[in-house]
């Protein structure tokens, strides 16, 4: 017999050990946006914003606490309106998400 409770606990444990890049707010944005992410433990984090050609247009890094954190991305960090890929890199893995700046 399949134990659903055990499977839910196993799935939750797996999720808790990975980095999560949550939806930024606002998206699309004009002047600034908050990039939310979740870490399973305190760690050094690097955030890269890439343009549609794969070129890095902005990099931010720092040490962040376990749990939910955020970085502020300003218009001056990117300069040109468009669609970008936001990529967060940590010792626990990486995650990406699209950003739209008007």
C-alpha atoms as a PDB file:
ATOM      1  CA  UNK A   1       0.000   0.000   0.000  1.00  0.00           C
ATOM      2  CA  UNK A   2       1.313   3.460  -0.937  1.00  0.00           C
ATOM      3  CA  UNK A   3       1.908   5.816   1.996  1.00  0.00           C
ATOM      4  CA  UNK A   4       0.894   9.304   0.811  1.00  0.00           C
ATOM      5  CA  UNK A   5       1.979  11.003   4.053  1.00  0.00           C
ATOM      6  CA  UNK A   6       5.501   9.564   3.772  1.00  0.00           C
ATOM      7  CA  UNK A   7       5.717  10.683   0.128  1.00  0.00           C
ATOM      8  CA  UNK A   8       4.604  14.227   1.005  1.00  0.00           C
ATOM      9  CA  UNK A   9       7.265  14.393   3.758  1.00  0.00           C
ATOM     10  CA  UNK A  10       9.940  13.100   1.351  1.00  0.00           C
ATOM     11  CA  UNK A  11       8.933  15.635  -1.315  1.00  0.00           C
ATOM     12  CA  UNK A  12       8.994  18.472   1.234  1.00  0.00           C
ATOM     13  CA  UNK A  13      12.447  17.443   2.465  1.00  0.00           C
ATOM     14  CA  UNK A  14      13.747  17.490  -1.120  1.00  0.00           C
ATOM     15  CA  UNK A  15      12.275  20.941  -1.773  1.00  0.00           C
ATOM     16  CA  UNK A  16      13.785  22.289   1.473  1.00  0.00           C
ATOM     17  CA  UNK A  17      17.297  21.306   0.299  1.00  0.00           C
ATOM     18  CA  UNK A  18      17.164  23.310  -2.940  1.00  0.00           C
ATOM     19  CA  UNK A  19      17.371  26.947  -3.801  1.00  0.00           C
ATOM     20  CA  UNK A  20      14.153  28.549  -5.043  1.00  0.00           C
ATOM     21  CA  UNK A  21      13.910  31.691  -7.153  1.00  0.00           C
ATOM     22  CA  UNK A  22      10.463  33.101  -6.467  1.00  0.00           C
ATOM     23  CA  UNK A  23       8.505  35.476  -8.741  1.00  0.00           C
ATOM     24  CA  UNK A  24       9.922  38.979  -8.676  1.00  0.00           C
ATOM     25  CA  UNK A  25       7.660  41.872  -7.864  1.00  0.00           C
ATOM     26  CA  UNK A  26       6.643  43.789  -9.834  1.00  0.00           C
ATOM     27  CA  UNK A  27       7.123  42.007 -13.143  1.00  0.00           C
ATOM     28  CA  UNK A  28       7.111  43.678 -15.594  1.00  0.00           C
ATOM     29  CA  UNK A  29       8.820  46.617 -13.927  1.00  0.00           C
ATOM     30  CA  UNK A  30       9.862  50.155 -14.819  1.00  0.00           C
ATOM     31  CA  UNK A  31      12.168  51.560 -12.116  1.00  0.00           C
ATOM     32  CA  UNK A  32      12.935  48.609  -9.811  1.00  0.00           C
ATOM     33  CA  UNK A  33      11.920  45.093  -8.844  1.00  0.00           C
ATOM     34  CA  UNK A  34      12.504  42.817  -5.848  1.00  0.00           C
ATOM     35  CA  UNK A  35      14.050  39.442  -6.668  1.00  0.00           C
ATOM     36  CA  UNK A  36      12.919  36.951  -4.002  1.00  0.00           C
ATOM     37  CA  UNK A  37      14.712  33.668  -3.338  1.00  0.00           C
ATOM     38  CA  UNK A  38      14.766  30.957  -0.692  1.00  0.00           C
ATOM     39  CA  UNK A  39      17.863  29.180   0.647  1.00  0.00           C
ATOM     40  CA  UNK A  40      17.973  25.908   2.638  1.00  0.00           C
ATOM     41  CA  UNK A  41      21.006  27.228   4.612  1.00  0.00           C
ATOM     42  CA  UNK A  42      22.985  30.473   4.834  1.00  0.00           C
ATOM     43  CA  UNK A  43      25.188  30.809   1.748  1.00  0.00           C
ATOM     44  CA  UNK A  44      27.018  33.026  -0.703  1.00  0.00           C
ATOM     45  CA  UNK A  45      24.726  33.912  -3.600  1.00  0.00           C
ATOM     46  CA  UNK A  46      25.479  35.320  -7.050  1.00  0.00           C
ATOM     47  CA  UNK A  47      22.723  36.815  -9.161  1.00  0.00           C
ATOM     48  CA  UNK A  48      23.338  37.363 -12.859  1.00  0.00           C
ATOM     49  CA  UNK A  49      21.009  39.119 -15.276  1.00  0.00           C
ATOM     50  CA  UNK A  50      21.492  38.096 -18.912  1.00  0.00           C
ATOM     51  CA  UNK A  51      20.127  39.739 -22.051  1.00  0.00           C
ATOM     52  CA  UNK A  52      18.500  37.878 -24.954  1.00  0.00           C
ATOM     53  CA  UNK A  53      21.960  37.160 -26.440  1.00  0.00           C
ATOM     54  CA  UNK A  54      23.210  35.543 -23.233  1.00  0.00           C
ATOM     55  CA  UNK A  55      25.464  38.461 -22.264  1.00  0.00           C
ATOM     56  CA  UNK A  56      25.680  39.309 -18.565  1.00  0.00           C
ATOM     57  CA  UNK A  57      24.345  42.841 -18.047  1.00  0.00           C
ATOM     58  CA  UNK A  58      24.334  42.904 -14.233  1.00  0.00           C
ATOM     59  CA  UNK A  59      25.874  40.874 -11.411  1.00  0.00           C
ATOM     60  CA  UNK A  60      25.138  41.090  -7.693  1.00  0.00           C
ATOM     61  CA  UNK A  61      26.491  38.886  -4.941  1.00  0.00           C
ATOM     62  CA  UNK A  62      26.483  38.565  -1.188  1.00  0.00           C
ATOM     63  CA  UNK A  63      25.998  36.276   1.766  1.00  0.00           C
ATOM     64  CA  UNK A  64      22.394  35.589   2.704  1.00  0.00           C
ATOM     65  CA  UNK A  65      20.615  33.884   5.597  1.00  0.00           C
ATOM     66  CA  UNK A  66      18.680  30.641   5.561  1.00  0.00           C
ATOM     67  CA  UNK A  67      15.101  31.152   4.405  1.00  0.00           C
ATOM     68  CA  UNK A  68      13.541  33.838   2.250  1.00  0.00           C
ATOM     69  CA  UNK A  69      15.709  36.742   1.053  1.00  0.00           C
ATOM     70  CA  UNK A  70      15.587  39.383  -1.653  1.00  0.00           C
ATOM     71  CA  UNK A  71      17.777  41.580  -3.826  1.00  0.00           C
ATOM     72  CA  UNK A  72      16.770  44.884  -5.380  1.00  0.00           C
ATOM     73  CA  UNK A  73      17.302  45.238  -9.125  1.00  0.00           C
ATOM     74  CA  UNK A  74      17.122  48.825 -10.373  1.00  0.00           C
ATOM     75  CA  UNK A  75      16.668  50.205 -13.862  1.00  0.00           C
ATOM     76  CA  UNK A  76      20.231  51.571 -13.693  1.00  0.00           C
ATOM     77  CA  UNK A  77      21.501  47.975 -13.224  1.00  0.00           C
ATOM     78  CA  UNK A  78      20.111  46.957 -16.631  1.00  0.00           C
ATOM     79  CA  UNK A  79      19.643  50.240 -18.562  1.00  0.00           C
ATOM     80  CA  UNK A  80      17.697  49.024 -21.626  1.00  0.00           C
ATOM     81  CA  UNK A  81      14.045  47.863 -21.666  1.00  0.00           C
ATOM     82  CA  UNK A  82      13.559  44.249 -22.692  1.00  0.00           C
ATOM     83  CA  UNK A  83      13.210  40.636 -21.617  1.00  0.00           C
ATOM     84  CA  UNK A  84      15.999  39.263 -19.448  1.00  0.00           C
ATOM     85  CA  UNK A  85      16.951  36.028 -17.716  1.00  0.00           C
ATOM     86  CA  UNK A  86      17.684  36.297 -14.008  1.00  0.00           C
ATOM     87  CA  UNK A  87      19.913  33.461 -12.777  1.00  0.00           C
ATOM     88  CA  UNK A  88      20.748  32.812  -9.124  1.00  0.00           C
ATOM     89  CA  UNK A  89      23.708  30.585  -8.269  1.00  0.00           C
ATOM     90  CA  UNK A  90      24.325  29.027  -4.850  1.00  0.00           C
ATOM     91  CA  UNK A  91      26.191  26.029  -3.407  1.00  0.00           C
ATOM     92  CA  UNK A  92      22.791  24.257  -3.370  1.00  0.00           C
ATOM     93  CA  UNK A  93      22.130  24.739  -7.073  1.00  0.00           C
ATOM     94  CA  UNK A  94      20.861  27.421  -9.378  1.00  0.00           C
ATOM     95  CA  UNK A  95      17.539  28.658 -10.677  1.00  0.00           C
ATOM     96  CA  UNK A  96      16.381  31.049 -13.371  1.00  0.00           C
ATOM     97  CA  UNK A  97      13.415  33.230 -14.191  1.00  0.00           C
ATOM     98  CA  UNK A  98      12.446  35.722 -16.892  1.00  0.00           C
ATOM     99  CA  UNK A  99      12.199  39.439 -16.116  1.00  0.00           C
ATOM    100  CA  UNK A 100      10.539  42.131 -18.206  1.00  0.00           C
ATOM    101  CA  UNK A 101      11.597  45.753 -17.951  1.00  0.00           C
ATOM    102  CA  UNK A 102       9.593  48.468 -19.748  1.00  0.00           C
END
